[in-house]
Amino acid sequence: MPIDPTLVGRTYPPTPPYAVTHEAVRAFATALDPDTGGTGDGEVAVPATFPIVLAFGAMNTFLAAEDVELSRIVHGEQKFSYRRPVAVGDVLVASLTVAGLRQIGGNDIIATTSAVTDADGEVVCETTSTLVHRGGAA
């Protein structure tokens, strides 16, 4: 079933607050490159792609609200635009907005923007994604 075009402009509820900890950063860095995270006690820099943790949660909120199966989604593109770096100690939430929608060849091309904000409500990072919702039988 095609995605409803009236969803463009709709913003979904924010994700639960997410505390950025040394452990979370280390686990994320290790998942990206096992040699980066290491096993020592030294600090690991917050990777530039770390906000995807929150953006993925925001995307799941959107998919659940619209009853879209994750198995029908192909991730097409991801971009990050920073106002400031993410830091250990931040408590962040993300809210997804459907920025655009078009249909091509029976598929929905969904553009989303997720605003990642800190505990003061200040935008830390905006992520933009292009999602392809496959039409027809999966």
Protein backbone atom coordinates (compact mmCIF):
# COMPACT_ATOMS: atom_id res chain seq x y z
CA MET A 1 0.00 0.00 0.00
CA PRO A 2 1.46 3.42 -0.93
CA ILE A 3 2.42 5.90 1.76
CA ASP A 4 -0.19 8.62 2.29
CA PRO A 5 1.12 11.86 0.70
CA THR A 6 -0.64 13.95 3.37
CA LEU A 7 2.10 12.80 5.79
CA VAL A 8 4.50 15.35 4.30
CA GLY A 9 5.17 17.94 7.00
CA ARG A 10 4.04 15.69 9.85
CA THR A 11 6.36 15.47 12.87
CA TYR A 12 6.29 12.42 15.11
CA PRO A 13 6.77 12.28 18.89
CA PRO A 14 10.36 12.42 20.12
CA THR A 15 12.33 9.37 21.09
CA PRO A 16 12.89 8.68 24.78
CA PRO A 17 15.85 10.62 26.22
CA TYR A 18 19.16 8.94 25.43
CA ALA A 19 22.18 9.56 27.66
CA VAL A 20 25.44 9.65 25.72
CA THR A 21 27.86 7.70 27.90
CA HIS A 22 31.46 6.61 27.46
CA GLU A 23 30.17 3.03 27.28
CA ALA A 24 27.65 3.83 24.54
CA VAL A 25 30.26 5.70 22.51
CA ARG A 26 32.79 2.90 22.94
CA ALA A 27 30.23 0.26 21.89
CA PHE A 28 29.25 2.30 18.82
CA ALA A 29 32.89 2.95 17.85
CA THR A 30 33.72 -0.73 18.30
CA ALA A 31 30.78 -1.73 16.10
CA LEU A 32 32.14 0.57 13.38
CA ASP A 33 35.74 -0.60 13.75
CA PRO A 34 36.77 -3.12 16.41
CA ASP A 35 40.25 -1.55 16.55
CA THR A 36 38.80 1.91 17.32
CA GLY A 37 36.78 1.08 20.42
CA GLY A 38 39.45 -1.09 21.99
CA THR A 39 39.18 -2.46 25.46
CA GLY A 40 41.19 0.15 27.38
CA ASP A 41 39.88 2.82 29.70
CA GLY A 42 40.90 5.72 27.45
CA GLU A 43 38.33 8.10 26.00
CA VAL A 44 36.95 7.38 22.56
CA ALA A 45 35.85 10.32 20.42
CA VAL A 46 32.12 10.42 19.61
CA PRO A 47 31.88 9.25 15.96
CA ALA A 48 30.26 11.71 13.54
CA THR A 49 27.59 9.13 12.72
CA PHE A 50 26.61 8.53 16.36
CA PRO A 51 23.26 10.43 16.03
CA ILE A 52 22.03 7.56 13.81
CA VAL A 53 21.27 5.77 17.10
CA LEU A 54 18.59 8.37 17.79
CA ALA A 55 17.56 8.87 14.15
CA PHE A 56 16.89 5.13 13.82
CA GLY A 57 14.69 5.25 16.91
CA ALA A 58 12.80 8.21 15.42
CA MET A 59 12.40 6.33 12.14
CA ASN A 60 10.97 3.34 14.02
CA THR A 61 8.45 5.66 15.71
CA PHE A 62 7.35 6.86 12.25
CA LEU A 63 7.16 3.33 10.83
CA ALA A 64 5.09 2.09 13.78
CA ALA A 65 2.73 5.07 13.66
CA GLU A 66 2.06 4.54 9.96
CA ASP A 67 2.05 0.72 10.13
CA VAL A 68 4.95 0.42 7.65
CA GLU A 69 7.02 -2.77 7.83
CA LEU A 70 10.76 -2.19 8.29
CA SER A 71 11.35 -5.19 6.00
CA ARG A 72 9.89 -3.15 3.11
CA ILE A 73 12.32 -0.24 3.63
CA VAL A 74 15.60 0.19 1.80
CA HIS A 75 17.83 2.92 3.19
CA GLY A 76 18.83 5.15 0.29
CA GLU A 77 20.86 7.99 1.79
CA GLN A 78 21.88 9.56 5.10
CA LYS A 79 23.36 12.98 5.89
CA PHE A 80 24.29 14.73 9.13
CA SER A 81 24.34 18.48 9.68
CA TYR A 82 25.84 19.61 12.97
CA ARG A 83 25.27 22.72 15.07
CA ARG A 84 27.75 21.39 17.62
CA PRO A 85 29.50 18.07 18.28
CA VAL A 86 27.77 15.39 20.33
CA ALA A 87 29.51 15.02 23.68
CA VAL A 88 29.58 12.42 26.41
CA GLY A 89 27.11 13.63 29.03
CA ASP A 90 24.57 14.88 26.50
CA VAL A 91 21.01 13.67 26.92
CA LEU A 92 19.44 13.67 23.48
CA VAL A 93 16.09 13.06 21.82
CA ALA A 94 15.17 12.94 18.13
CA SER A 95 11.96 13.92 16.37
CA LEU A 96 11.35 12.85 12.77
CA THR A 97 9.49 14.96 10.21
CA VAL A 98 8.43 13.64 6.81
CA ALA A 99 10.04 16.21 4.52
CA GLY A 100 8.96 14.85 1.16
CA LEU A 101 7.35 11.95 -0.66
CA ARG A 102 7.19 10.83 -4.25
CA GLN A 103 6.23 7.63 -5.99
CA ILE A 104 8.46 6.03 -8.61
CA GLY A 105 7.84 2.65 -10.23
CA GLY A 106 5.41 1.56 -7.55
CA ASN A 107 7.81 2.52 -4.74
CA ASP A 108 7.56 5.39 -2.29
CA ILE A 109 10.64 7.60 -1.93
CA ILE A 110 10.37 9.15 1.54
CA ALA A 111 12.55 12.06 2.60
CA THR A 112 12.84 12.52 6.35
CA THR A 113 14.56 14.95 8.66
CA SER A 114 15.27 14.16 12.29
CA ALA A 115 16.16 16.95 14.68
CA VAL A 116 18.43 15.71 17.46
CA THR A 117 18.11 18.03 20.44
CA ASP A 118 19.76 18.23 23.85
CA ALA A 119 18.17 18.52 27.29
CA ASP A 120 17.82 22.30 26.80
CA GLY A 121 15.88 21.77 23.56
CA GLU A 122 18.77 23.06 21.45
CA VAL A 123 19.38 21.36 18.10
CA VAL A 124 22.68 19.49 18.17
CA CYS A 125 22.37 17.77 14.80
CA GLU A 126 19.88 17.31 11.99
CA THR A 127 19.87 14.08 10.06
CA THR A 128 18.28 13.66 6.67
CA SER A 129 17.40 10.29 5.20
CA THR A 130 16.01 8.96 1.98
CA LEU A 131 14.00 5.80 2.48
CA VAL A 132 12.64 3.62 -0.29
CA HIS A 133 9.42 1.86 0.65
CA ARG A 134 9.15 -1.07 -1.71
CA GLY A 135 5.78 -1.53 -3.33
CA GLY A 136 4.24 -4.86 -4.32
CA ALA A 137 5.00 -8.20 -2.71
CA ALA A 138 8.08 -8.23 -0.49
